[in-house]
Amino acid sequence: MFENLSEHLVKFGSDIDFEDPKIGQSGTYVSELRDPSGTAIGMVEGFYKIVTRRDADNELMTCISEKIALTDGDVHVEAWARFSNLVSGEWLYCPAVGVSGEYAGRTGFRQWRPVDPGKVAEAKIVFFSSLLS
């Protein structure tokens, strides 16, 4: 379990109009994960795309896919999220699966929320079990 992490944006690309986002717009990002002491422990490479508008509340829905490369293995994250959650400061919970190294076959989630949108986020990675057990 990795708690109290900070995530620092290193690279960002997007065709999203954040004032008037639309279905089909997307973005990519690379960020550095740091432990509470500020030491880099891994990198996050991600992609997100606004895919649809939810009928129930007219909320834009975004598909997110990430590869998290930690020093002792990789983790894959994939989830749906409200687009507004990406900048609102609310916690976002995304299913996570370990794909290599110490995390291979382990399941859990990645938790993330922006504290300074476009610059820094708080993050956690929590594993529950192993698919191989």
Protein backbone atom coordinates (compact mmCIF):
# COMPACT_ATOMS: atom_id res chain seq x y z
CA MET A 1 0.00 0.00 0.00
CA PHE A 2 1.25 3.43 -0.93
CA GLU A 3 -0.38 6.26 1.00
CA ASN A 4 0.17 10.00 1.28
CA LEU A 5 1.78 10.20 -2.15
CA SER A 6 2.03 13.35 -4.20
CA GLU A 7 1.77 13.28 -7.96
CA HIS A 8 3.59 15.99 -9.92
CA LEU A 9 2.68 16.65 -13.54
CA VAL A 10 5.70 16.40 -15.84
CA LYS A 11 4.06 16.43 -19.29
CA PHE A 12 0.54 17.23 -20.46
CA GLY A 13 -1.15 17.28 -23.85
CA SER A 14 -4.81 17.90 -24.59
CA ASP A 15 -7.32 19.07 -27.16
CA ILE A 16 -9.90 19.67 -24.43
CA ASP A 17 -11.57 23.02 -24.08
CA PHE A 18 -11.80 23.04 -20.28
CA GLU A 19 -14.28 25.94 -20.38
CA ASP A 20 -16.60 24.02 -22.74
CA PRO A 21 -15.56 20.31 -22.86
CA LYS A 22 -17.09 18.09 -25.54
CA ILE A 23 -17.46 14.41 -26.34
CA GLY A 24 -14.45 13.16 -28.29
CA GLN A 25 -11.89 15.50 -26.71
CA SER A 26 -8.95 13.80 -25.00
CA GLY A 27 -5.68 14.28 -23.20
CA THR A 28 -2.45 12.56 -22.15
CA TYR A 29 -0.22 13.08 -19.15
CA VAL A 30 2.94 11.91 -17.46
CA SER A 31 3.46 12.52 -13.78
CA GLU A 32 5.97 11.58 -11.12
CA LEU A 33 4.81 9.83 -7.94
CA ARG A 34 6.63 10.91 -4.79
CA ASP A 35 6.50 9.46 -1.28
CA PRO A 36 5.88 11.71 1.75
CA SER A 37 9.61 12.56 1.95
CA GLY A 38 9.56 13.80 -1.66
CA THR A 39 11.49 10.83 -3.08
CA ALA A 40 10.37 9.71 -6.55
CA ILE A 41 8.93 6.18 -6.42
CA GLY A 42 7.44 5.88 -9.89
CA MET A 43 5.86 7.40 -12.98
CA VAL A 44 2.28 7.53 -14.21
CA GLU A 45 1.52 7.61 -17.94
CA GLY A 46 -2.13 8.22 -18.66
CA PHE A 47 -4.73 8.85 -21.33
CA TYR A 48 -8.29 10.09 -20.92
CA LYS A 49 -11.12 10.75 -23.35
CA ILE A 50 -14.57 12.24 -22.94
CA VAL A 51 -16.73 9.44 -24.31
CA THR A 52 -20.37 10.17 -23.51
CA ARG A 53 -22.87 12.28 -21.60
CA ARG A 54 -24.77 10.46 -18.85
CA ASP A 55 -28.55 10.79 -19.39
CA ALA A 56 -29.42 10.73 -15.68
CA ASP A 57 -27.62 13.97 -14.82
CA ASN A 58 -26.16 15.28 -18.10
CA GLU A 59 -22.63 14.70 -16.74
CA LEU A 60 -19.77 14.19 -19.23
CA MET A 61 -18.16 10.79 -18.68
CA THR A 62 -14.49 10.15 -19.25
CA CYS A 63 -12.60 6.90 -19.80
CA ILE A 64 -9.18 6.82 -18.11
CA SER A 65 -6.32 4.40 -18.74
CA GLU A 66 -2.97 4.49 -16.92
CA LYS A 67 0.29 2.62 -16.61
CA ILE A 68 1.99 3.18 -13.27
CA ALA A 69 5.64 2.15 -13.30
CA LEU A 70 6.92 1.71 -9.74
CA THR A 71 10.46 0.69 -8.83
CA ASP A 72 9.41 -2.93 -8.20
CA GLY A 73 6.64 -3.50 -10.75
CA ASP A 74 3.92 -2.04 -12.95
CA VAL A 75 0.24 -1.40 -12.31
CA HIS A 76 -2.58 -0.95 -14.85
CA VAL A 77 -5.49 1.36 -14.05
CA GLU A 78 -8.66 1.74 -16.08
CA ALA A 79 -11.86 3.50 -15.03
CA TRP A 80 -14.81 5.70 -15.89
CA ALA A 81 -15.07 9.08 -14.18
CA ARG A 82 -17.15 12.21 -14.30
CA PHE A 83 -15.14 14.75 -16.30
CA SER A 84 -15.80 17.36 -13.61
CA ASN A 85 -14.06 15.08 -11.08
CA LEU A 86 -10.75 15.53 -12.92
CA VAL A 87 -10.51 19.14 -11.73
CA SER A 88 -12.94 19.39 -8.80
CA GLY A 89 -10.72 18.26 -5.93
CA GLU A 90 -12.91 15.23 -5.17
CA TRP A 91 -11.25 11.83 -4.68
CA LEU A 92 -11.40 9.55 -7.72
CA TYR A 93 -11.27 5.77 -7.16
CA CYS A 94 -10.01 3.64 -10.06
CA PRO A 95 -9.62 -0.17 -10.15
CA ALA A 96 -5.96 -1.22 -10.35
CA VAL A 97 -4.30 -4.50 -11.32
CA GLY A 98 -0.64 -5.35 -10.89
CA VAL A 99 0.83 -6.53 -14.17
CA SER A 100 4.50 -7.15 -13.36
CA GLY A 101 7.10 -7.50 -10.63
CA GLU A 102 5.98 -7.53 -6.99
CA TYR A 103 2.45 -6.47 -7.99
CA ALA A 104 1.74 -9.10 -10.67
CA GLY A 105 -1.75 -10.50 -10.16
CA ARG A 106 -2.65 -8.22 -7.26
CA THR A 107 -5.89 -6.22 -7.37
CA GLY A 108 -6.88 -3.01 -5.66
CA PHE A 109 -7.42 0.62 -6.56
CA ARG A 110 -5.71 3.89 -7.23
CA GLN A 111 -7.08 6.92 -5.43
CA TRP A 112 -6.37 10.40 -6.78
CA ARG A 113 -7.50 14.00 -6.36
CA PRO A 114 -6.12 17.27 -7.66
CA VAL A 115 -4.91 19.75 -5.05
CA ASP A 116 -3.40 22.20 -7.55
CA PRO A 117 -5.08 21.28 -10.88
CA GLY A 118 -2.61 20.85 -13.69
CA LYS A 119 0.33 20.66 -11.28
CA VAL A 120 -0.03 18.48 -8.16
CA ALA A 121 -2.41 15.78 -6.92
CA GLU A 122 -2.67 13.61 -3.83
CA ALA A 123 -2.55 9.89 -4.57
CA LYS A 124 -2.76 6.43 -3.02
CA ILE A 125 -2.38 2.92 -4.39
CA VAL A 126 -4.00 0.14 -2.35
CA PHE A 127 -3.81 -3.60 -3.05
CA PHE A 128 -6.24 -6.12 -1.56
CA SER A 129 -5.26 -9.53 -2.88
CA SER A 130 -3.63 -11.60 -5.53
CA LEU A 131 -5.53 -13.04 -8.50
CA LEU A 132 -3.06 -15.92 -8.39
CA SER A 133 -3.93 -17.05 -4.83
